[in-house]
């Protein structure tokens, strides 16, 4: 059982298709609205059906406020590391520290070579990637004396000026599967980012062991390396296989991956808005509660993930659009606090008297509320926060249309991805 104690993060992995750019961007904006933490896109510069990943990330950065952004993963053979370092640092500064850097050693070598990249063997790819990491980190270290100096086999940067420094310590996550890449991840990287569909049973445990050993040999803690995982599946009423079934099955399987294999970040590969809503609003809160419950137990009590799931129920599902809880909930006095009124008013007209608003009973100061009860109340607050965020987004779209920055069709396309619009369609069908 490997649990590295990382806070759980949930993200999206969206196809950067250029056939409907508004929809691609809308899915990224939706990910933030429903409460996901991270938005990622694959990076295949040789693919004409895709938008350029770093251009897309920059555009989405300007359309979002909170969600973190990353390529999943950056194609280093076609992204010179000295230039990439400044691109990453610039976007991190522009977003106030919301950028991560997924990196890959390269694949699809015929296409890379056709674009002017150099074809590398697997061993060469690992060495080139390690040199690239040196270039990136030296460039970001703007306070160090002298220029960047990496006189490598594949990357030669001699005396280039350092900087700019990013707004925060940008994590480097490696897409790794083979032993040499896994060892490099343990020595030099901040995260391991494989895709579950490419792994065989036992590969996560074996990969963790290689990374942990390499980290210790480099004088690091294994916990210094976050374990991320790209996942895909199908939400269905009946289970038909791994990550193919009802929400409860997804919760159980992801909890096992978190507690048994140390996965701290789950990234859902889906272009379906309903999948993103269900993943953020139903799966993520329940997995967080189960993992938090186990971590809060006495450290001396050693239990398997299956035992945890046998006697712990996931959080109640209130709505599919609730953003994730930012704080861990636990048993104790009632601690759910409504979101305070920000005082903003769009009209002088008073629709109702706030003083006459109904209020609930005062919580019993002698009663202890379970973590499950606390989470249900907090979840309801988050549902309303998510809808308020969508209202603010609609106001922003109206202002952009009025200013001539976008047309009404683009605004309508984005509104159609919102939870409140989907709810209206659903209610209209059944009511």
Protein backbone atom coordinates (compact mmCIF):
# COMPACT_ATOMS: atom_id res chain seq x y z
CA UNK A 1 0.00 0.00 0.00
CA UNK A 2 1.55 3.30 -1.13
CA UNK A 3 -0.05 6.56 -0.08
CA UNK A 4 2.28 9.53 -0.45
CA UNK A 5 -0.13 11.86 1.35
CA UNK A 6 -0.62 14.27 -1.54
CA UNK A 7 -3.74 16.42 -1.65
CA UNK A 8 -6.08 15.00 -4.26
CA UNK A 9 -6.35 16.88 -7.55
CA UNK A 10 -8.88 16.24 -10.34
CA UNK A 11 -8.49 17.48 -13.89
CA UNK A 12 -9.56 17.14 -17.51
CA UNK A 13 -7.75 15.93 -20.63
CA UNK A 14 -9.50 17.49 -23.64
CA UNK A 15 -8.86 16.91 -27.33
CA UNK A 16 -7.46 20.18 -28.79
CA UNK A 17 -9.51 19.83 -31.97
CA UNK A 18 -9.60 22.78 -34.36
CA UNK A 19 -12.85 21.79 -36.10
CA UNK A 20 -14.86 23.63 -33.41
CA UNK A 21 -12.47 25.87 -31.44
CA UNK A 22 -15.31 27.42 -29.42
CA UNK A 23 -16.30 24.01 -28.11
CA UNK A 24 -12.70 23.12 -27.24
CA UNK A 25 -12.33 26.34 -25.25
CA UNK A 26 -15.81 25.94 -23.77
CA UNK A 27 -14.91 22.54 -22.32
CA UNK A 28 -11.87 24.04 -20.62
CA UNK A 29 -13.95 26.88 -19.17
CA UNK A 30 -16.55 24.35 -18.06
CA UNK A 31 -13.87 22.38 -16.22
CA UNK A 32 -13.19 25.42 -14.07
CA UNK A 33 -16.88 26.16 -13.58
CA UNK A 34 -17.69 22.69 -12.26
CA UNK A 35 -14.75 22.77 -9.86
CA UNK A 36 -11.96 20.77 -11.50
CA UNK A 37 -8.43 21.83 -10.58
CA UNK A 38 -6.52 21.20 -13.79
CA UNK A 39 -7.04 21.46 -17.56
CA UNK A 40 -4.67 19.59 -19.89
CA UNK A 41 -4.26 19.03 -23.63
CA UNK A 42 -2.11 16.64 -25.64
CA UNK A 43 0.74 18.23 -27.58
CA UNK A 44 1.23 16.90 -31.11
CA UNK A 45 2.58 19.81 -33.20
CA UNK A 46 2.62 17.66 -36.35
CA UNK A 47 -1.14 17.01 -36.16
CA UNK A 48 -3.00 19.47 -38.47
CA UNK A 49 -6.38 18.56 -36.91
CA UNK A 50 -5.26 20.02 -33.57
CA UNK A 51 -4.87 23.58 -32.34
CA UNK A 52 -1.34 24.41 -31.27
CA UNK A 53 -1.27 23.39 -27.62
CA UNK A 54 0.69 26.31 -26.17
CA UNK A 55 -1.34 28.87 -28.10
CA UNK A 56 -4.50 27.16 -26.85
CA UNK A 57 -3.27 27.13 -23.24
CA UNK A 58 -2.53 30.85 -23.44
CA UNK A 59 -6.00 31.59 -24.81
CA UNK A 60 -7.67 29.51 -22.10
CA UNK A 61 -5.54 31.15 -19.43
CA UNK A 62 -7.14 34.46 -20.39
CA UNK A 63 -10.63 32.96 -20.15
CA UNK A 64 -10.20 31.38 -16.70
CA UNK A 65 -9.26 32.55 -13.23
CA UNK A 66 -8.49 29.55 -11.04
CA UNK A 67 -7.85 26.33 -12.92
CA UNK A 68 -4.25 25.18 -13.49
CA UNK A 69 -3.01 24.42 -17.01
CA UNK A 70 -0.59 21.96 -18.58
CA UNK A 71 0.30 20.17 -21.77
CA UNK A 72 -0.17 16.44 -21.36
CA UNK A 73 2.63 16.06 -22.35
CA UNK A 74 4.82 18.59 -24.18
CA UNK A 75 6.60 17.18 -27.22
CA UNK A 76 10.17 18.15 -26.32
CA UNK A 77 11.76 17.09 -29.65
CA UNK A 78 9.75 19.88 -31.35
CA UNK A 79 9.90 22.41 -28.50
CA UNK A 80 13.48 23.68 -27.99
CA UNK A 81 13.90 23.78 -24.19
CA UNK A 82 15.50 27.24 -24.07
CA UNK A 83 12.48 28.73 -25.88
CA UNK A 84 10.02 26.51 -24.01
CA UNK A 85 11.43 27.71 -20.68
CA UNK A 86 10.54 31.31 -21.50
CA UNK A 87 7.10 30.35 -22.85
CA UNK A 88 6.27 28.48 -19.65
CA UNK A 89 7.62 31.21 -17.36
CA UNK A 90 5.76 33.90 -19.29
CA UNK A 91 2.43 32.09 -19.09
CA UNK A 92 3.01 31.35 -15.41
CA UNK A 93 3.62 35.04 -14.74
CA UNK A 94 0.54 36.03 -16.75
CA UNK A 95 -1.66 33.57 -14.83
CA UNK A 96 -0.27 34.22 -11.37
CA UNK A 97 1.26 30.76 -11.02
CA UNK A 98 -1.23 28.40 -12.71
CA UNK A 99 1.08 26.51 -15.07
CA UNK A 100 2.59 23.04 -14.83
CA UNK A 101 4.87 21.43 -17.39
CA UNK A 102 4.19 17.90 -18.57
CA UNK A 103 7.12 16.63 -20.63
CA UNK A 104 7.64 13.67 -22.92
CA UNK A 105 10.74 12.29 -24.59
CA UNK A 106 8.94 11.96 -27.92
CA UNK A 107 6.91 9.48 -29.96
CA UNK A 108 5.63 9.20 -33.54
CA UNK A 109 9.15 9.75 -34.83
CA UNK A 110 8.20 9.75 -38.52
CA UNK A 111 5.98 12.77 -37.91
CA UNK A 112 8.57 14.46 -35.69
CA UNK A 113 11.27 13.97 -38.32
CA UNK A 114 8.95 15.30 -41.03
CA UNK A 115 8.55 18.50 -38.98
CA UNK A 116 12.32 18.95 -38.75
CA UNK A 117 12.92 17.19 -35.45
CA UNK A 118 15.73 14.72 -34.90
CA UNK A 119 14.84 11.03 -34.70
CA UNK A 120 16.11 9.55 -31.45
CA UNK A 121 16.39 6.05 -30.02
CA UNK A 122 14.66 5.42 -26.68
CA UNK A 123 17.94 5.78 -24.80
CA UNK A 124 18.81 8.98 -26.64
CA UNK A 125 15.35 10.34 -25.90
CA UNK A 126 15.86 9.89 -22.16
CA UNK A 127 19.28 11.59 -22.24
CA UNK A 128 17.90 14.46 -24.35
CA UNK A 129 15.03 14.90 -21.91
CA UNK A 130 17.37 15.10 -18.93
CA UNK A 131 19.45 17.74 -20.72
CA UNK A 132 16.25 19.61 -21.52
CA UNK A 133 15.30 19.63 -17.83
CA UNK A 134 18.71 21.18 -17.08
CA UNK A 135 18.09 23.94 -19.64
CA UNK A 136 14.61 24.64 -18.27
CA UNK A 137 15.60 24.85 -14.63
CA UNK A 138 18.73 26.90 -15.25
CA UNK A 139 16.72 29.37 -17.35
CA UNK A 140 14.10 29.73 -14.60
CA UNK A 141 16.80 30.30 -11.95
CA UNK A 142 17.05 34.01 -12.72
CA UNK A 143 18.97 34.86 -9.55
CA UNK A 144 21.94 32.58 -10.27
CA UNK A 145 25.14 34.14 -11.55
CA UNK A 146 26.26 33.66 -15.13
CA UNK A 147 24.32 32.40 -18.10
CA UNK A 148 22.71 29.07 -18.82
CA UNK A 149 25.34 26.44 -19.58
CA UNK A 150 24.30 23.02 -20.82
CA UNK A 151 26.86 21.58 -23.22
CA UNK A 152 25.06 18.33 -23.88
CA UNK A 153 24.85 15.60 -26.43
CA UNK A 154 21.51 16.88 -27.76
CA UNK A 155 21.04 20.37 -26.32
CA UNK A 156 23.76 22.98 -26.31
CA UNK A 157 22.95 26.27 -24.59
CA UNK A 158 26.10 28.22 -23.78
CA UNK A 159 25.80 31.55 -22.00
CA UNK A 160 22.14 32.33 -22.69
CA UNK A 161 20.73 34.88 -20.28
CA UNK A 162 18.61 33.50 -17.48
CA UNK A 163 15.00 34.41 -16.84
CA UNK A 164 12.33 35.29 -16.53
CA UNK A 165 11.64 33.40 -13.34
CA UNK A 166 8.13 31.95 -13.27
CA UNK A 167 5.59 33.12 -10.70
CA UNK A 168 5.92 29.88 -8.76
CA UNK A 169 8.05 26.75 -8.81
CA UNK A 170 6.64 25.20 -11.98
CA UNK A 171 6.36 21.42 -11.48
CA UNK A 172 7.77 19.16 -14.19
CA UNK A 173 5.77 15.97 -14.76
CA UNK A 174 7.18 13.22 -16.97
CA UNK A 175 5.17 10.84 -19.11
CA UNK A 176 7.17 7.70 -18.33
CA UNK A 177 6.72 3.95 -18.74
CA UNK A 178 10.13 2.30 -19.14
CA UNK A 179 12.77 1.85 -16.41
CA UNK A 180 15.17 4.58 -17.64
CA UNK A 181 12.40 7.17 -17.83
CA UNK A 182 11.02 6.08 -14.48
CA UNK A 183 14.44 6.43 -12.89
CA UNK A 184 14.82 9.90 -14.42
CA UNK A 185 11.43 10.78 -12.94
CA UNK A 186 12.63 9.78 -9.49
CA UNK A 187 15.92 11.68 -9.82
CA UNK A 188 14.79 14.91 -11.45
CA UNK A 189 11.03 15.33 -11.88
CA UNK A 190 8.20 16.56 -9.69
CA UNK A 191 5.59 14.14 -10.99
CA UNK A 192 4.95 10.89 -12.85
CA UNK A 193 2.21 11.16 -15.51
CA UNK A 194 1.30 7.89 -17.28
CA UNK A 195 -2.01 6.91 -18.86
CA UNK A 196 -3.90 4.04 -17.26
CA UNK A 197 -4.84 2.60 -20.66
CA UNK A 198 -1.16 1.98 -21.46
CA UNK A 199 -0.45 0.15 -18.20
CA UNK A 200 -0.69 -3.54 -17.39
CA UNK A 201 -1.79 -4.83 -13.97
CA UNK A 202 1.01 -4.22 -11.49
CA UNK A 203 2.72 -1.53 -13.60
CA UNK A 204 1.81 1.24 -11.15
CA UNK A 205 3.37 -0.60 -8.22
CA UNK A 206 6.46 -1.49 -10.24
CA UNK A 207 6.79 2.06 -11.54
CA UNK A 208 6.44 3.48 -8.05
CA UNK A 209 9.19 1.19 -6.80
CA UNK A 210 11.63 2.33 -9.51
CA UNK A 211 10.80 6.00 -8.91
CA UNK A 212 11.07 5.64 -5.12
CA UNK A 213 14.47 3.92 -5.33
CA UNK A 214 15.81 6.53 -7.76
CA UNK A 215 14.52 9.36 -5.59
CA UNK A 216 16.22 7.98 -2.47
CA UNK A 217 19.49 7.45 -4.34
CA UNK A 218 19.32 11.12 -5.40
CA UNK A 219 18.80 12.21 -1.80
CA UNK A 220 15.11 12.96 -2.28
CA UNK A 221 11.96 11.69 -0.60
CA UNK A 222 9.63 9.54 -2.74
CA UNK A 223 6.87 11.92 -1.66
CA UNK A 224 8.65 14.67 -3.62
CA UNK A 225 7.26 13.04 -6.76
CA UNK A 226 3.51 13.47 -7.26
CA UNK A 227 1.80 10.51 -8.92
CA UNK A 228 -0.65 11.59 -11.65
CA UNK A 229 -2.78 9.37 -13.85
CA UNK A 230 -4.70 9.93 -17.08
CA UNK A 231 -7.89 7.90 -16.93
CA UNK A 232 -10.84 7.26 -19.23
CA UNK A 233 -14.05 5.33 -18.89
CA UNK A 234 -17.80 5.29 -19.20
CA UNK A 235 -20.48 6.29 -16.72
CA UNK A 236 -23.24 3.67 -16.88
CA UNK A 237 -25.96 2.24 -14.68
CA UNK A 238 -24.40 -1.25 -14.73
CA UNK A 239 -20.74 -2.10 -14.26
CA UNK A 240 -19.10 -3.68 -17.29
CA UNK A 241 -15.40 -3.37 -16.47
CA UNK A 242 -12.82 -1.03 -14.90
CA UNK A 243 -14.12 2.58 -14.83
CA UNK A 244 -17.19 1.46 -16.78
CA UNK A 245 -20.17 1.67 -14.50
CA UNK A 246 -22.04 3.83 -11.98
CA UNK A 247 -20.50 6.66 -9.97
CA UNK A 248 -20.13 4.38 -6.94
CA UNK A 249 -17.88 2.07 -8.95
CA UNK A 250 -15.73 4.99 -10.11
CA UNK A 251 -15.41 6.20 -6.52
CA UNK A 252 -14.38 2.77 -5.30
CA UNK A 253 -11.78 2.22 -8.01
CA UNK A 254 -10.21 5.68 -7.76
CA UNK A 255 -10.05 5.42 -3.97
CA UNK A 256 -8.19 2.13 -4.35
CA UNK A 257 -5.75 3.80 -6.76
CA UNK A 258 -5.21 6.69 -4.34
CA UNK A 259 -4.65 4.57 -1.24
CA UNK A 260 -3.07 1.54 -2.88
CA UNK A 261 -0.93 3.09 -5.63
CA UNK A 262 -0.42 6.61 -4.33
CA UNK A 263 -2.21 8.43 -7.15
CA UNK A 264 -2.69 12.04 -6.11
CA UNK A 265 -3.99 13.48 -9.39
CA UNK A 266 -6.70 11.98 -11.60
CA UNK A 267 -7.10 13.47 -15.09
CA UNK A 268 -10.21 12.43 -17.01
CA UNK A 269 -9.85 12.11 -20.78
CA UNK A 270 -13.29 13.06 -22.09
CA UNK A 271 -14.85 15.62 -24.42
CA UNK A 272 -18.33 15.05 -22.96
CA UNK A 273 -19.56 17.97 -20.79
CA UNK A 274 -21.75 15.63 -18.75
CA UNK A 275 -18.75 13.43 -17.94
CA UNK A 276 -16.87 16.46 -16.63
CA UNK A 277 -19.82 17.51 -14.48
CA UNK A 278 -20.27 14.04 -13.01
CA UNK A 279 -16.54 13.60 -12.44
CA UNK A 280 -16.25 16.96 -10.64
CA UNK A 281 -19.57 17.00 -8.82
CA UNK A 282 -20.04 13.36 -7.80
CA UNK A 283 -16.83 11.36 -8.11
CA UNK A 284 -14.23 13.83 -6.85
CA UNK A 285 -15.97 14.84 -3.56
CA UNK A 286 -16.70 11.22 -2.65
CA UNK A 287 -13.13 10.07 -3.36
CA UNK A 288 -11.78 12.96 -1.32
CA UNK A 289 -13.97 12.09 1.63
CA UNK A 290 -13.04 8.41 1.59
CA UNK A 291 -9.32 9.13 1.32
CA UNK A 292 -9.49 11.83 4.01
CA UNK A 293 -11.37 9.46 6.34
CA UNK A 294 -8.68 6.81 6.00
CA UNK A 295 -5.84 9.28 6.43
CA UNK A 296 -7.44 10.62 9.61
CA UNK A 297 -7.47 7.19 11.22
CA UNK A 298 -4.86 6.15 13.72
CA UNK A 299 -1.60 5.67 11.82
CA UNK A 300 -1.01 2.49 13.81
CA UNK A 301 -4.13 0.91 12.34
CA UNK A 302 -3.05 -0.64 9.04
CA UNK A 303 -6.01 -1.31 6.72
CA UNK A 304 -6.29 -2.21 3.05
CA UNK A 305 -8.19 -0.04 0.55
CA UNK A 306 -10.87 -2.77 0.33
CA UNK A 307 -11.41 -2.62 4.09
CA UNK A 308 -11.76 1.17 3.93
CA UNK A 309 -14.41 0.91 1.23
CA UNK A 310 -16.29 -1.84 3.06
CA UNK A 311 -17.26 0.33 6.02
CA UNK A 312 -17.20 3.89 4.69
CA UNK A 313 -19.90 5.43 2.51
CA UNK A 314 -19.13 8.19 -0.02
CA UNK A 315 -20.48 11.71 0.33
CA UNK A 316 -24.10 12.24 -0.64
CA UNK A 317 -24.55 13.47 -4.19
CA UNK A 318 -26.45 16.76 -4.25
CA UNK A 319 -25.94 17.97 -7.82
CA UNK A 320 -23.58 17.19 -10.69
CA UNK A 321 -22.09 20.67 -10.80
CA UNK A 322 -20.65 21.22 -7.33
CA UNK A 323 -17.05 22.44 -7.20
CA UNK A 324 -14.64 20.45 -5.10
CA UNK A 325 -14.15 21.03 -1.41
CA UNK A 326 -11.06 23.08 -0.72
CA UNK A 327 -10.75 21.96 2.89
CA UNK A 328 -10.91 18.51 4.41
CA UNK A 329 -14.11 17.85 6.36
CA UNK A 330 -14.07 15.86 9.57
CA UNK A 331 -16.32 15.04 12.49
CA UNK A 332 -16.98 17.69 15.13
CA UNK A 333 -19.05 20.79 15.64
CA UNK A 334 -21.04 22.01 12.67
CA UNK A 335 -18.50 23.95 10.57
CA UNK A 336 -20.23 24.57 7.24
CA UNK A 337 -20.22 28.30 6.49
CA UNK A 338 -22.34 29.81 3.68
CA UNK A 339 -20.50 31.88 1.09
CA UNK A 340 -20.79 35.53 2.20
CA UNK A 341 -22.56 38.08 0.04
CA UNK A 342 -19.97 40.05 -1.95
CA UNK A 343 -22.27 43.08 -2.03
CA UNK A 344 -22.30 43.36 -5.81
CA UNK A 345 -25.60 44.53 -7.32
CA UNK A 346 -26.34 44.86 -11.02
CA UNK A 347 -29.52 46.90 -10.50
CA UNK A 348 -30.93 49.40 -8.03
CA UNK A 349 -34.20 47.47 -8.01
CA UNK A 350 -34.71 45.46 -4.81
CA UNK A 351 -36.39 42.19 -5.73
CA UNK A 352 -36.89 41.02 -2.15
CA UNK A 353 -36.20 42.12 1.38
CA UNK A 354 -33.06 40.34 2.57
CA UNK A 355 -34.15 40.84 6.17
CA UNK A 356 -37.15 38.60 5.52
CA UNK A 357 -35.10 35.72 4.10
CA UNK A 358 -35.86 32.46 5.96
CA UNK A 359 -33.07 31.07 8.09
CA UNK A 360 -32.39 27.61 9.38
CA UNK A 361 -32.35 26.59 13.03
CA UNK A 362 -29.31 27.39 15.12
CA UNK A 363 -27.02 24.34 15.22
CA UNK A 364 -27.09 22.45 18.50
CA UNK A 365 -23.78 23.34 20.19
CA UNK A 366 -23.72 19.98 22.00
CA UNK A 367 -24.14 17.85 18.90
CA UNK A 368 -21.27 16.29 16.99
CA UNK A 369 -21.70 16.05 13.23
CA UNK A 370 -20.09 13.25 11.24
CA UNK A 371 -17.72 13.95 8.36
CA UNK A 372 -20.46 12.65 6.04
CA UNK A 373 -22.98 15.20 7.41
CA UNK A 374 -20.46 18.03 7.20
CA UNK A 375 -19.58 17.09 3.61
CA UNK A 376 -23.23 17.06 2.54
CA UNK A 377 -23.77 20.59 3.85
CA UNK A 378 -20.56 21.84 2.33
CA UNK A 379 -21.49 20.21 -0.97
CA UNK A 380 -24.77 22.17 -1.07
CA UNK A 381 -22.88 25.43 -0.55
CA UNK A 382 -20.57 24.47 -3.41
CA UNK A 383 -23.51 23.79 -5.74
CA UNK A 384 -24.72 27.35 -5.26
CA UNK A 385 -21.18 28.70 -5.62
CA UNK A 386 -20.92 26.88 -8.95
CA UNK A 387 -24.17 28.40 -10.21
CA UNK A 388 -23.10 31.87 -9.05
CA UNK A 389 -19.87 31.42 -11.01
CA UNK A 390 -21.89 30.56 -14.11
CA UNK A 391 -24.02 33.68 -13.67
CA UNK A 392 -20.84 35.74 -13.47
CA UNK A 393 -19.61 34.02 -16.63
CA UNK A 394 -22.85 34.93 -18.44
CA UNK A 395 -22.47 38.57 -17.35
CA UNK A 396 -18.91 38.50 -18.72
CA UNK A 397 -20.09 37.04 -22.03
CA UNK A 398 -22.77 39.72 -22.33
CA UNK A 399 -20.17 42.42 -21.77
CA UNK A 400 -17.87 40.85 -24.41
CA UNK A 401 -20.71 40.75 -26.95
CA UNK A 402 -21.66 44.36 -26.17
CA UNK A 403 -18.05 45.43 -26.61
CA UNK A 404 -17.76 43.59 -29.94
CA UNK A 405 -15.03 41.24 -28.64
CA UNK A 406 -17.04 38.10 -29.52
CA UNK A 407 -20.24 37.52 -31.47
CA UNK A 408 -23.53 36.24 -30.07
CA UNK A 409 -23.02 32.82 -31.62
CA UNK A 410 -19.76 32.26 -29.75
CA UNK A 411 -21.41 33.37 -26.50
CA UNK A 412 -24.33 31.04 -27.12
CA UNK A 413 -21.99 28.10 -27.77
CA UNK A 414 -20.27 28.66 -24.44
CA UNK A 415 -23.56 29.09 -22.55
CA UNK A 416 -24.73 25.77 -23.99
CA UNK A 417 -21.90 23.99 -22.11
CA UNK A 418 -22.96 25.43 -18.74
CA UNK A 419 -24.61 23.40 -16.03
CA UNK A 420 -27.60 25.73 -15.70
CA UNK A 421 -28.32 25.38 -19.43
CA UNK A 422 -28.00 21.59 -19.27
CA UNK A 423 -30.31 21.56 -16.23
CA UNK A 424 -32.91 23.57 -18.13
CA UNK A 425 -32.85 21.06 -20.96
CA UNK A 426 -33.20 18.17 -18.52
CA UNK A 427 -36.03 19.77 -16.57
CA UNK A 428 -37.77 20.69 -19.81
CA UNK A 429 -37.69 17.06 -20.91
CA UNK A 430 -39.19 15.69 -17.71
CA UNK A 431 -41.42 18.55 -16.51
